[in-house]
């Protein structure tokens, strides 16, 4: 199962992206599960709390208010965990990319250091830099 989109990539890039996907797979699965439950829990509890507090206040009971509040709190907790897991995916991806660049024996250290610096300074573009690195490494190996 691929978590990063792979479209018409050369095999040497696809292999590395697949390895990265394996590293982040547990986090992605957790993010998917938590996201699936977080939003509905939040919406359901807020709608019911608003309905019970403002539209039909005579039907509210302490027990039902507590249940909906706990459901909403749980939904918000899951939502917060999704945010933390996404940060962890970025960190694991960045670590993987940096380790892979450092392991390369095809390129000189100055080029590897430049790519590592780019990945650390702009983690949002880490995959772009990684692919550029892999292409440059492949060119060097092919010569």
N, C-alpha and C. Protein backbone atom coordinates (compact mmCIF):
# COMPACT_ATOMS: atom_id res chain seq x y z
N UNK A 1 0.85 -1.18 0.00
CA UNK A 1 0.00 0.00 0.00
C UNK A 1 0.89 1.24 0.00
N UNK A 2 0.62 2.16 -0.89
CA UNK A 2 1.44 3.35 -1.02
C UNK A 2 0.71 4.56 -0.42
N UNK A 3 1.42 5.29 0.44
CA UNK A 3 0.82 6.45 1.07
C UNK A 3 1.24 7.74 0.39
N UNK A 4 2.38 7.70 -0.26
CA UNK A 4 2.81 8.84 -1.05
C UNK A 4 2.49 8.52 -2.51
N UNK A 5 1.93 9.48 -3.24
CA UNK A 5 1.53 9.18 -4.61
C UNK A 5 2.74 8.85 -5.49
N UNK A 6 2.63 7.75 -6.21
CA UNK A 6 3.69 7.32 -7.10
C UNK A 6 3.10 7.25 -8.49
N UNK A 7 3.51 8.18 -9.34
CA UNK A 7 3.01 8.19 -10.71
C UNK A 7 4.18 8.30 -11.66
N UNK A 8 4.35 7.28 -12.47
CA UNK A 8 5.38 7.27 -13.51
C UNK A 8 6.77 7.63 -12.98
N UNK A 9 7.13 7.10 -11.84
CA UNK A 9 8.46 7.33 -11.29
C UNK A 9 9.41 6.26 -11.80
N UNK A 10 10.65 6.64 -12.02
CA UNK A 10 11.64 5.61 -12.35
C UNK A 10 11.75 4.60 -11.21
N UNK A 11 12.19 3.41 -11.51
CA UNK A 11 12.21 2.33 -10.52
C UNK A 11 13.11 2.65 -9.33
N UNK A 12 14.23 3.35 -9.55
CA UNK A 12 15.12 3.67 -8.43
C UNK A 12 14.47 4.64 -7.45
N UNK A 13 13.62 5.52 -7.93
CA UNK A 13 12.89 6.44 -7.03
C UNK A 13 11.74 5.69 -6.37
N UNK A 14 11.02 4.91 -7.15
CA UNK A 14 9.88 4.15 -6.62
C UNK A 14 10.32 3.24 -5.47
N UNK A 15 11.48 2.61 -5.62
CA UNK A 15 11.99 1.72 -4.57
C UNK A 15 12.21 2.48 -3.26
N UNK A 16 12.81 3.66 -3.35
CA UNK A 16 13.08 4.46 -2.15
C UNK A 16 11.78 4.99 -1.53
N UNK A 17 10.85 5.41 -2.37
CA UNK A 17 9.56 5.92 -1.87
C UNK A 17 8.78 4.79 -1.20
N UNK A 18 8.86 3.58 -1.77
CA UNK A 18 8.20 2.43 -1.14
C UNK A 18 8.79 2.15 0.24
N UNK A 19 10.10 2.26 0.36
CA UNK A 19 10.76 2.05 1.65
C UNK A 19 10.31 3.11 2.65
N UNK A 20 10.22 4.35 2.20
CA UNK A 20 9.73 5.43 3.06
C UNK A 20 8.28 5.18 3.47
N UNK A 21 7.46 4.72 2.52
CA UNK A 21 6.06 4.41 2.82
C UNK A 21 5.95 3.35 3.91
N UNK A 22 6.83 2.36 3.87
CA UNK A 22 6.82 1.32 4.90
C UNK A 22 7.15 1.90 6.27
N UNK A 23 8.04 2.89 6.30
CA UNK A 23 8.43 3.51 7.57
C UNK A 23 7.30 4.33 8.19
N UNK A 24 6.52 4.97 7.33
CA UNK A 24 5.45 5.84 7.87
C UNK A 24 4.09 5.16 7.91
N UNK A 25 3.99 3.94 7.42
CA UNK A 25 2.70 3.24 7.35
C UNK A 25 1.96 3.16 8.68
N UNK A 26 2.62 2.82 9.80
CA UNK A 26 1.87 2.74 11.07
C UNK A 26 1.25 4.09 11.47
N UNK A 27 1.96 5.17 11.20
CA UNK A 27 1.44 6.49 11.54
C UNK A 27 0.26 6.86 10.66
N UNK A 28 0.35 6.54 9.40
CA UNK A 28 -0.73 6.86 8.45
C UNK A 28 -1.99 6.08 8.81
N UNK A 29 -1.83 4.82 9.18
CA UNK A 29 -2.99 4.02 9.58
C UNK A 29 -3.67 4.62 10.80
N UNK A 30 -2.85 5.03 11.78
CA UNK A 30 -3.40 5.64 12.99
C UNK A 30 -4.10 6.95 12.66
N UNK A 31 -3.48 7.76 11.82
CA UNK A 31 -4.09 9.03 11.42
C UNK A 31 -5.44 8.79 10.76
N UNK A 32 -5.50 7.80 9.89
CA UNK A 32 -6.76 7.50 9.20
C UNK A 32 -7.86 7.09 10.17
N UNK A 33 -7.50 6.19 11.10
CA UNK A 33 -8.50 5.74 12.09
C UNK A 33 -8.98 6.88 12.96
N UNK A 34 -8.04 7.64 13.49
CA UNK A 34 -8.40 8.74 14.39
C UNK A 34 -9.21 9.82 13.67
N UNK A 35 -8.82 10.14 12.44
CA UNK A 35 -9.55 11.14 11.68
C UNK A 35 -10.98 10.68 11.38
N UNK A 36 -11.11 9.38 11.10
CA UNK A 36 -12.42 8.82 10.79
C UNK A 36 -13.40 9.03 11.94
N UNK A 37 -12.91 8.92 13.19
CA UNK A 37 -13.78 9.04 14.35
C UNK A 37 -13.86 10.45 14.92
N UNK A 38 -12.82 11.23 14.79
CA UNK A 38 -12.77 12.54 15.45
C UNK A 38 -13.88 13.48 14.96
N UNK A 39 -13.95 13.70 13.68
CA UNK A 39 -14.91 14.67 13.16
C UNK A 39 -16.36 14.30 13.47
N UNK A 40 -16.80 13.07 13.22
CA UNK A 40 -18.19 12.75 13.55
C UNK A 40 -18.51 12.88 15.05
N UNK A 41 -17.57 12.49 15.90
CA UNK A 41 -17.80 12.63 17.34
C UNK A 41 -17.98 14.09 17.74
N UNK A 42 -17.13 14.94 17.21
CA UNK A 42 -17.21 16.37 17.53
C UNK A 42 -18.53 16.95 17.04
N UNK A 43 -18.85 16.70 15.80
CA UNK A 43 -20.08 17.26 15.21
C UNK A 43 -21.31 16.74 15.93
N UNK A 44 -21.37 15.44 16.14
CA UNK A 44 -22.54 14.84 16.80
C UNK A 44 -22.73 15.41 18.21
N UNK A 45 -21.65 15.50 18.96
CA UNK A 45 -21.78 16.00 20.34
C UNK A 45 -22.14 17.49 20.36
N UNK A 46 -21.52 18.28 19.49
CA UNK A 46 -21.84 19.72 19.48
C UNK A 46 -23.29 19.98 19.06
N UNK A 47 -23.74 19.27 18.05
CA UNK A 47 -25.13 19.45 17.61
C UNK A 47 -26.08 19.08 18.75
N UNK A 48 -25.84 17.95 19.38
CA UNK A 48 -26.73 17.54 20.47
C UNK A 48 -26.65 18.47 21.68
N UNK A 49 -25.45 18.93 22.02
CA UNK A 49 -25.33 19.87 23.14
C UNK A 49 -26.05 21.17 22.84
N UNK A 50 -25.85 21.72 21.64
CA UNK A 50 -26.54 22.96 21.27
C UNK A 50 -28.05 22.76 21.26
N UNK A 51 -28.48 21.64 20.71
CA UNK A 51 -29.90 21.34 20.66
C UNK A 51 -30.48 21.26 22.07
N UNK A 52 -29.79 20.55 22.95
CA UNK A 52 -30.30 20.37 24.32
C UNK A 52 -30.24 21.65 25.14
N UNK A 53 -29.24 22.48 24.91
CA UNK A 53 -29.08 23.69 25.72
C UNK A 53 -29.96 24.84 25.24
N UNK A 54 -30.14 24.97 23.93
CA UNK A 54 -30.81 26.17 23.42
C UNK A 54 -32.16 25.92 22.75
N UNK A 55 -32.34 24.81 22.09
CA UNK A 55 -33.58 24.60 21.35
C UNK A 55 -34.64 23.92 22.22
N UNK A 56 -34.22 22.89 22.95
CA UNK A 56 -35.17 22.17 23.81
C UNK A 56 -34.55 22.01 25.20
N UNK A 57 -34.40 23.09 25.93
CA UNK A 57 -33.75 23.01 27.24
C UNK A 57 -34.52 22.15 28.25
N UNK A 58 -35.82 21.97 28.05
CA UNK A 58 -36.60 21.18 29.01
C UNK A 58 -36.33 19.68 28.90
N UNK A 59 -35.65 19.23 27.80
CA UNK A 59 -35.38 17.81 27.64
C UNK A 59 -33.99 17.41 28.16
N UNK A 60 -33.22 18.38 28.58
CA UNK A 60 -31.85 18.05 28.98
C UNK A 60 -31.82 17.39 30.36
N UNK A 61 -30.89 16.48 30.46
CA UNK A 61 -30.59 15.85 31.73
C UNK A 61 -29.09 15.96 31.93
N UNK A 62 -28.69 15.94 33.17
CA UNK A 62 -27.26 16.05 33.47
C UNK A 62 -26.50 14.90 32.83
N UNK A 63 -27.07 13.71 32.89
CA UNK A 63 -26.41 12.54 32.34
C UNK A 63 -26.15 12.69 30.83
N UNK A 64 -27.18 13.12 30.09
CA UNK A 64 -27.01 13.25 28.63
C UNK A 64 -26.04 14.38 28.29
N UNK A 65 -26.05 15.47 29.05
CA UNK A 65 -25.09 16.56 28.82
C UNK A 65 -23.66 16.06 29.03
N UNK A 66 -23.47 15.29 30.09
CA UNK A 66 -22.14 14.75 30.38
C UNK A 66 -21.70 13.80 29.27
N UNK A 67 -22.58 12.94 28.82
CA UNK A 67 -22.26 11.98 27.75
C UNK A 67 -21.84 12.72 26.49
N UNK A 68 -22.62 13.72 26.07
CA UNK A 68 -22.28 14.46 24.86
C UNK A 68 -21.00 15.27 25.04
N UNK A 69 -20.79 15.81 26.21
CA UNK A 69 -19.55 16.55 26.48
C UNK A 69 -18.34 15.62 26.42
N UNK A 70 -18.48 14.43 26.98
CA UNK A 70 -17.38 13.46 26.94
C UNK A 70 -17.12 13.01 25.50
N UNK A 71 -18.17 12.79 24.74
CA UNK A 71 -18.00 12.42 23.33
C UNK A 71 -17.25 13.52 22.57
N UNK A 72 -17.64 14.74 22.79
CA UNK A 72 -16.96 15.86 22.13
C UNK A 72 -15.52 15.98 22.57
N UNK A 73 -15.27 15.82 23.86
CA UNK A 73 -13.89 15.89 24.36
C UNK A 73 -13.04 14.78 23.76
N UNK A 74 -13.61 13.59 23.65
CA UNK A 74 -12.89 12.48 23.04
C UNK A 74 -12.59 12.76 21.57
N UNK A 75 -13.57 13.34 20.87
CA UNK A 75 -13.36 13.71 19.46
C UNK A 75 -12.26 14.74 19.31
N UNK A 76 -12.25 15.75 20.19
CA UNK A 76 -11.19 16.76 20.14
C UNK A 76 -9.84 16.16 20.51
N UNK A 77 -9.82 15.22 21.43
CA UNK A 77 -8.57 14.54 21.79
C UNK A 77 -8.04 13.74 20.60
N UNK A 78 -8.92 13.05 19.90
CA UNK A 78 -8.50 12.32 18.70
C UNK A 78 -7.97 13.28 17.64
N UNK A 79 -8.63 14.41 17.51
CA UNK A 79 -8.21 15.42 16.54
C UNK A 79 -6.81 15.94 16.87
N UNK A 80 -6.57 16.17 18.14
CA UNK A 80 -5.24 16.62 18.59
C UNK A 80 -4.18 15.54 18.33
N UNK A 81 -4.54 14.30 18.56
CA UNK A 81 -3.62 13.20 18.31
C UNK A 81 -3.29 13.08 16.82
N UNK A 82 -4.26 13.35 15.96
CA UNK A 82 -4.02 13.34 14.52
C UNK A 82 -2.95 14.38 14.18
N UNK A 83 -3.07 15.56 14.78
CA UNK A 83 -2.10 16.61 14.54
C UNK A 83 -0.70 16.17 14.98
N UNK A 84 -0.61 15.55 16.14
CA UNK A 84 0.67 15.07 16.64
C UNK A 84 1.24 13.96 15.76
N UNK A 85 0.38 13.06 15.30
CA UNK A 85 0.83 11.97 14.44
C UNK A 85 1.33 12.50 13.10
N UNK A 86 0.71 13.55 12.59
CA UNK A 86 1.17 14.15 11.33
C UNK A 86 2.56 14.75 11.50
N UNK A 87 2.79 15.38 12.65
CA UNK A 87 4.14 15.90 12.93
C UNK A 87 5.15 14.77 13.01
N UNK A 88 4.74 13.66 13.57
CA UNK A 88 5.63 12.50 13.67
C UNK A 88 5.94 11.92 12.29
N UNK A 89 4.95 11.92 11.40
CA UNK A 89 5.18 11.45 10.03
C UNK A 89 6.24 12.33 9.36
N UNK A 90 6.13 13.63 9.55
CA UNK A 90 7.11 14.55 8.96
C UNK A 90 8.50 14.29 9.53
N UNK A 91 8.57 14.08 10.84
CA UNK A 91 9.86 13.84 11.49
C UNK A 91 10.47 12.52 11.02
N UNK A 92 9.68 11.46 10.98
CA UNK A 92 10.17 10.15 10.52
C UNK A 92 10.61 10.23 9.06
N UNK A 93 9.83 10.90 8.23
CA UNK A 93 10.17 11.06 6.82
C UNK A 93 11.48 11.83 6.67
N UNK A 94 11.60 12.91 7.40
CA UNK A 94 12.81 13.73 7.34
C UNK A 94 14.02 12.92 7.80
N UNK A 95 13.89 12.18 8.89
CA UNK A 95 14.99 11.34 9.38
C UNK A 95 15.38 10.28 8.35
N UNK A 96 14.37 9.66 7.76
CA UNK A 96 14.63 8.63 6.74
C UNK A 96 15.40 9.23 5.56
N UNK A 97 14.94 10.37 5.08
CA UNK A 97 15.56 11.02 3.93
C UNK A 97 17.01 11.40 4.25
N UNK A 98 17.22 12.01 5.41
CA UNK A 98 18.57 12.42 5.80
C UNK A 98 19.49 11.21 5.93
N UNK A 99 19.01 10.14 6.57
CA UNK A 99 19.83 8.93 6.70
C UNK A 99 20.17 8.34 5.34
N UNK A 100 19.19 8.34 4.44
CA UNK A 100 19.43 7.79 3.10
C UNK A 100 20.46 8.62 2.35
N UNK A 101 20.37 9.94 2.47
CA UNK A 101 21.34 10.81 1.80
C UNK A 101 22.73 10.58 2.38
N UNK A 102 22.82 10.48 3.70
CA UNK A 102 24.11 10.27 4.35
C UNK A 102 24.76 8.95 3.94
N UNK A 103 23.95 7.92 3.69
CA UNK A 103 24.47 6.60 3.33
C UNK A 103 25.01 6.54 1.91
N UNK A 104 24.64 7.49 1.08
CA UNK A 104 25.04 7.45 -0.32
C UNK A 104 26.55 7.52 -0.45
N UNK A 105 27.09 6.63 -1.25
CA UNK A 105 28.52 6.66 -1.54
C UNK A 105 28.79 7.18 -2.95
N UNK A 106 27.75 7.44 -3.70
CA UNK A 106 27.90 7.87 -5.09
C UNK A 106 28.20 9.36 -5.22
N UNK A 107 27.78 10.15 -4.23
CA UNK A 107 27.96 11.60 -4.32
C UNK A 107 28.96 12.08 -3.27
N UNK A 108 29.61 13.18 -3.58
CA UNK A 108 30.58 13.75 -2.63
C UNK A 108 29.84 14.38 -1.46
N UNK A 109 30.55 14.53 -0.35
CA UNK A 109 29.94 15.03 0.89
C UNK A 109 29.35 16.43 0.75
N UNK A 110 29.96 17.28 -0.05
CA UNK A 110 29.44 18.65 -0.19
C UNK A 110 28.04 18.64 -0.82
N UNK A 111 27.82 17.76 -1.78
CA UNK A 111 26.49 17.67 -2.40
C UNK A 111 25.49 17.07 -1.41
N UNK A 112 25.92 16.03 -0.70
CA UNK A 112 25.03 15.42 0.30
C UNK A 112 24.68 16.44 1.39
N UNK A 113 25.66 17.21 1.84
CA UNK A 113 25.42 18.23 2.87
C UNK A 113 24.43 19.29 2.38
N UNK A 114 24.54 19.64 1.11
CA UNK A 114 23.62 20.64 0.54
C UNK A 114 22.18 20.11 0.59
N UNK A 115 21.98 18.85 0.20
CA UNK A 115 20.64 18.26 0.22
C UNK A 115 20.12 18.12 1.66
N UNK A 116 20.98 17.71 2.57
CA UNK A 116 20.58 17.58 3.98
C UNK A 116 20.16 18.94 4.52
N UNK A 117 20.92 19.97 4.19
CA UNK A 117 20.59 21.33 4.64
C UNK A 117 19.23 21.76 4.08
N UNK A 118 19.00 21.48 2.80
CA UNK A 118 17.71 21.84 2.19
C UNK A 118 16.55 21.12 2.88
N UNK A 119 16.72 19.83 3.16
CA UNK A 119 15.66 19.05 3.81
C UNK A 119 15.38 19.59 5.20
N UNK A 120 16.42 19.94 5.94
CA UNK A 120 16.23 20.46 7.30
C UNK A 120 15.62 21.85 7.30
N UNK A 121 16.01 22.68 6.36
CA UNK A 121 15.50 24.06 6.32
C UNK A 121 14.06 24.14 5.81
N UNK A 122 13.71 23.26 4.88
CA UNK A 122 12.38 23.30 4.28
C UNK A 122 11.77 21.90 4.24
N UNK A 123 11.34 21.39 5.40
CA UNK A 123 10.80 20.02 5.44
C UNK A 123 9.56 19.82 4.57
N UNK A 124 8.85 20.88 4.27
CA UNK A 124 7.66 20.74 3.41
C UNK A 124 8.04 20.30 2.00
N UNK A 125 9.26 20.61 1.58
CA UNK A 125 9.73 20.24 0.24
C UNK A 125 10.71 19.08 0.28
N UNK A 126 10.76 18.37 1.39
CA UNK A 126 11.74 17.30 1.57
C UNK A 126 11.64 16.24 0.48
N UNK A 127 10.44 15.85 0.10
CA UNK A 127 10.29 14.83 -0.95
C UNK A 127 10.84 15.32 -2.28
N UNK A 128 10.61 16.59 -2.60
CA UNK A 128 11.14 17.14 -3.84
C UNK A 128 12.67 17.09 -3.84
N UNK A 129 13.27 17.49 -2.73
CA UNK A 129 14.72 17.46 -2.61
C UNK A 129 15.24 16.02 -2.66
N UNK A 130 14.51 15.12 -2.02
CA UNK A 130 14.92 13.73 -2.00
C UNK A 130 14.91 13.14 -3.41
N UNK A 131 13.87 13.44 -4.16
CA UNK A 131 13.78 12.94 -5.54
C UNK A 131 14.90 13.54 -6.39
N UNK A 132 15.18 14.83 -6.21
CA UNK A 132 16.29 15.45 -6.93
C UNK A 132 17.61 14.77 -6.57
N UNK A 133 17.78 14.51 -5.27
CA UNK A 133 18.98 13.81 -4.81
C UNK A 133 19.10 12.44 -5.47
N UNK A 134 18.01 11.68 -5.48
CA UNK A 134 18.03 10.34 -6.07
C UNK A 134 18.35 10.40 -7.56
N UNK A 135 17.80 11.39 -8.25
CA UNK A 135 18.09 11.54 -9.67
C UNK A 135 19.56 11.86 -9.89
N UNK A 136 20.10 12.77 -9.08
CA UNK A 136 21.51 13.12 -9.19
C UNK A 136 22.41 11.93 -8.85
N UNK A 137 22.03 11.18 -7.81
CA UNK A 137 22.77 9.99 -7.44
C UNK A 137 22.74 8.97 -8.58
N UNK A 138 21.60 8.78 -9.17
CA UNK A 138 21.45 7.82 -10.26
C UNK A 138 22.30 8.23 -11.47
N UNK A 139 22.32 9.52 -11.78
CA UNK A 139 23.15 10.01 -12.89
C UNK A 139 24.62 9.72 -12.62
N UNK A 140 25.03 9.93 -11.37
CA UNK A 140 26.43 9.70 -11.00
C UNK A 140 26.78 8.21 -11.08
N UNK A 141 25.86 7.37 -10.65
CA UNK A 141 26.09 5.93 -10.70
C UNK A 141 26.14 5.45 -12.16
N UNK A 142 25.30 6.03 -13.00
CA UNK A 142 25.21 5.61 -14.40
C UNK A 142 26.46 5.98 -15.20
N UNK A 143 27.19 6.99 -14.75
CA UNK A 143 28.39 7.43 -15.50
C UNK A 143 29.56 6.60 -15.21
